[in-house]
């Protein structure tokens, strides 16, 4: 479970880096306070709930973050 959450966080961090976004800029874009963005990205909050993780595991699925398709 920890691995999947870390994969999503790393994907977000990588995309932020590619776009040159700071935590404050992401906060401004999302309407989330900067401190909460930092908590999300550090993994202290925002984990996938245990029950959802069990469902995903039972079905052989994982939650991933991928770029949206244009159009």
N, C-alpha and C. Protein backbone atom coordinates (compact mmCIF):
# COMPACT_ATOMS: atom_id res chain seq x y z
N UNK A 1 0.83 -1.19 0.00
CA UNK A 1 0.00 0.00 0.00
C UNK A 1 0.87 1.25 0.00
N UNK A 2 1.91 1.27 0.78
CA UNK A 2 2.78 2.44 0.83
C UNK A 2 3.41 2.70 -0.53
N UNK A 3 3.80 1.64 -1.23
CA UNK A 3 4.44 1.80 -2.53
C UNK A 3 3.59 2.53 -3.53
N UNK A 4 2.29 2.19 -3.58
CA UNK A 4 1.41 2.83 -4.53
C UNK A 4 1.27 4.31 -4.21
N UNK A 5 1.07 4.64 -2.95
CA UNK A 5 0.95 6.04 -2.57
C UNK A 5 2.21 6.80 -2.92
N UNK A 6 3.35 6.18 -2.69
CA UNK A 6 4.62 6.83 -3.02
C UNK A 6 4.76 7.00 -4.53
N UNK A 7 4.31 6.04 -5.31
CA UNK A 7 4.37 6.14 -6.77
C UNK A 7 3.57 7.34 -7.25
N UNK A 8 2.38 7.52 -6.71
CA UNK A 8 1.53 8.65 -7.10
C UNK A 8 2.21 9.97 -6.70
N UNK A 9 2.71 10.04 -5.47
CA UNK A 9 3.39 11.27 -5.02
C UNK A 9 4.58 11.59 -5.92
N UNK A 10 5.38 10.58 -6.25
CA UNK A 10 6.55 10.82 -7.09
C UNK A 10 6.15 11.29 -8.48
N UNK A 11 5.06 10.75 -9.00
CA UNK A 11 4.58 11.18 -10.31
C UNK A 11 4.16 12.65 -10.28
N UNK A 12 3.48 13.03 -9.22
CA UNK A 12 3.06 14.44 -9.08
C UNK A 12 4.30 15.33 -8.94
N UNK A 13 5.23 14.93 -8.11
CA UNK A 13 6.45 15.73 -7.92
C UNK A 13 7.22 15.87 -9.24
N UNK A 14 7.32 14.79 -9.98
CA UNK A 14 8.03 14.81 -11.25
C UNK A 14 7.35 15.76 -12.24
N UNK A 15 6.03 15.69 -12.30
CA UNK A 15 5.28 16.57 -13.20
C UNK A 15 5.42 18.02 -12.77
N UNK A 16 5.39 18.27 -11.47
CA UNK A 16 5.60 19.64 -10.99
C UNK A 16 6.97 20.15 -11.43
N UNK A 17 7.99 19.30 -11.31
CA UNK A 17 9.34 19.69 -11.70
C UNK A 17 9.39 19.99 -13.20
N UNK A 18 8.78 19.13 -14.03
CA UNK A 18 8.76 19.33 -15.48
C UNK A 18 8.10 20.66 -15.84
N UNK A 19 7.05 21.01 -15.09
CA UNK A 19 6.31 22.24 -15.37
C UNK A 19 6.89 23.45 -14.63
N UNK A 20 7.91 23.21 -13.82
CA UNK A 20 8.54 24.29 -13.08
C UNK A 20 7.65 24.89 -12.00
N UNK A 21 6.79 24.06 -11.39
CA UNK A 21 5.85 24.54 -10.38
C UNK A 21 6.39 24.36 -8.97
N UNK A 22 6.19 25.38 -8.15
CA UNK A 22 6.52 25.28 -6.73
C UNK A 22 5.29 24.80 -5.97
N UNK A 23 5.48 24.48 -4.70
CA UNK A 23 4.34 24.10 -3.87
C UNK A 23 3.32 25.24 -3.82
N UNK A 24 3.81 26.47 -3.72
CA UNK A 24 2.90 27.62 -3.66
C UNK A 24 2.11 27.76 -4.96
N UNK A 25 2.77 27.58 -6.09
CA UNK A 25 2.07 27.69 -7.37
C UNK A 25 1.02 26.60 -7.52
N UNK A 26 1.33 25.38 -7.08
CA UNK A 26 0.34 24.30 -7.12
C UNK A 26 -0.82 24.63 -6.18
N UNK A 27 -0.50 25.19 -5.03
CA UNK A 27 -1.55 25.61 -4.09
C UNK A 27 -2.46 26.64 -4.74
N UNK A 28 -1.88 27.60 -5.42
CA UNK A 28 -2.68 28.64 -6.10
C UNK A 28 -3.57 28.03 -7.19
N UNK A 29 -3.02 27.07 -7.94
CA UNK A 29 -3.78 26.43 -9.02
C UNK A 29 -4.95 25.59 -8.50
N UNK A 30 -4.77 24.99 -7.34
CA UNK A 30 -5.76 24.04 -6.82
C UNK A 30 -6.69 24.63 -5.77
N UNK A 31 -6.31 25.78 -5.20
CA UNK A 31 -7.09 26.34 -4.11
C UNK A 31 -6.84 25.63 -2.78
N UNK A 32 -5.77 24.84 -2.73
CA UNK A 32 -5.38 24.13 -1.51
C UNK A 32 -4.28 24.96 -0.85
N UNK A 33 -4.34 25.13 0.46
CA UNK A 33 -3.29 25.89 1.13
C UNK A 33 -1.93 25.23 0.94
N UNK A 34 -0.88 26.07 0.81
CA UNK A 34 0.45 25.55 0.53
C UNK A 34 0.89 24.51 1.56
N UNK A 35 0.60 24.75 2.83
CA UNK A 35 0.99 23.78 3.86
C UNK A 35 0.34 22.43 3.61
N UNK A 36 -0.89 22.43 3.14
CA UNK A 36 -1.58 21.17 2.85
C UNK A 36 -1.02 20.49 1.61
N UNK A 37 -0.61 21.27 0.61
CA UNK A 37 0.06 20.70 -0.56
C UNK A 37 1.34 19.99 -0.11
N UNK A 38 2.09 20.65 0.76
CA UNK A 38 3.33 20.06 1.27
C UNK A 38 3.05 18.76 2.01
N UNK A 39 2.00 18.75 2.83
CA UNK A 39 1.64 17.52 3.55
C UNK A 39 1.25 16.40 2.59
N UNK A 40 0.48 16.74 1.55
CA UNK A 40 0.11 15.73 0.56
C UNK A 40 1.34 15.13 -0.12
N UNK A 41 2.25 16.00 -0.51
CA UNK A 41 3.43 15.54 -1.24
C UNK A 41 4.43 14.81 -0.35
N UNK A 42 4.39 15.06 0.95
CA UNK A 42 5.30 14.37 1.86
C UNK A 42 4.72 13.03 2.31
N UNK A 43 3.42 12.82 2.10
CA UNK A 43 2.79 11.56 2.48
C UNK A 43 2.21 11.55 3.87
N UNK A 44 2.24 12.70 4.55
CA UNK A 44 1.68 12.72 5.91
C UNK A 44 0.15 12.72 5.90
N UNK A 45 -0.45 13.12 4.80
CA UNK A 45 -1.91 13.06 4.62
C UNK A 45 -2.19 12.60 3.20
N UNK A 46 -3.44 12.26 2.93
CA UNK A 46 -3.84 11.96 1.56
C UNK A 46 -3.57 10.55 1.08
N UNK A 47 -3.41 9.63 2.00
CA UNK A 47 -3.17 8.24 1.59
C UNK A 47 -4.47 7.61 1.10
N UNK A 48 -4.35 6.63 0.22
CA UNK A 48 -5.51 5.88 -0.24
C UNK A 48 -6.08 5.12 0.95
N UNK A 49 -7.39 5.25 1.20
CA UNK A 49 -7.99 4.55 2.34
C UNK A 49 -7.78 3.03 2.24
N UNK A 50 -7.63 2.39 3.41
CA UNK A 50 -7.37 0.95 3.46
C UNK A 50 -8.39 0.13 2.67
N UNK A 51 -9.67 0.47 2.79
CA UNK A 51 -10.69 -0.32 2.09
C UNK A 51 -10.54 -0.22 0.57
N UNK A 52 -10.22 0.96 0.07
CA UNK A 52 -9.98 1.09 -1.37
C UNK A 52 -8.75 0.28 -1.76
N UNK A 53 -7.72 0.30 -0.92
CA UNK A 53 -6.52 -0.46 -1.24
C UNK A 53 -6.84 -1.95 -1.31
N UNK A 54 -7.66 -2.44 -0.42
CA UNK A 54 -8.05 -3.86 -0.43
C UNK A 54 -8.79 -4.22 -1.71
N UNK A 55 -9.69 -3.32 -2.14
CA UNK A 55 -10.44 -3.55 -3.39
C UNK A 55 -9.47 -3.60 -4.57
N UNK A 56 -8.58 -2.63 -4.64
CA UNK A 56 -7.60 -2.61 -5.73
C UNK A 56 -6.74 -3.86 -5.72
N UNK A 57 -6.26 -4.26 -4.54
CA UNK A 57 -5.43 -5.46 -4.43
C UNK A 57 -6.19 -6.70 -4.87
N UNK A 58 -7.44 -6.82 -4.46
CA UNK A 58 -8.25 -7.99 -4.79
C UNK A 58 -8.47 -8.11 -6.30
N UNK A 59 -8.53 -6.96 -6.97
CA UNK A 59 -8.76 -6.96 -8.42
C UNK A 59 -7.48 -6.89 -9.23
N UNK A 60 -6.34 -6.86 -8.54
CA UNK A 60 -5.06 -6.77 -9.25
C UNK A 60 -4.87 -5.42 -9.92
N UNK A 61 -5.39 -4.37 -9.30
CA UNK A 61 -5.28 -3.02 -9.87
C UNK A 61 -4.39 -2.15 -9.01
N UNK A 62 -3.87 -1.08 -9.60
CA UNK A 62 -3.12 -0.10 -8.85
C UNK A 62 -3.53 1.29 -9.30
N UNK A 63 -3.46 2.22 -8.38
CA UNK A 63 -3.76 3.61 -8.67
C UNK A 63 -2.49 4.26 -9.18
N UNK A 64 -2.58 4.86 -10.36
CA UNK A 64 -1.42 5.54 -10.93
C UNK A 64 -1.83 6.92 -11.41
N UNK A 65 -0.87 7.80 -11.53
CA UNK A 65 -1.10 9.13 -12.07
C UNK A 65 -0.42 9.21 -13.43
N UNK A 66 -1.22 9.53 -14.44
CA UNK A 66 -0.69 9.67 -15.81
C UNK A 66 -1.21 10.98 -16.39
N UNK A 67 -0.49 11.56 -17.35
CA UNK A 67 -0.97 12.79 -17.96
C UNK A 67 -2.32 12.57 -18.65
N UNK A 68 -3.17 13.59 -18.57
CA UNK A 68 -4.45 13.53 -19.26
C UNK A 68 -4.22 13.61 -20.76
N UNK A 69 -5.12 12.99 -21.50
CA UNK A 69 -5.06 13.09 -22.95
C UNK A 69 -5.61 14.45 -23.37
N UNK A 70 -4.98 15.04 -24.35
CA UNK A 70 -5.45 16.33 -24.89
C UNK A 70 -6.68 16.08 -25.76
N UNK A 71 -7.57 17.04 -25.75
CA UNK A 71 -8.68 16.96 -26.68
C UNK A 71 -9.93 16.59 -26.08
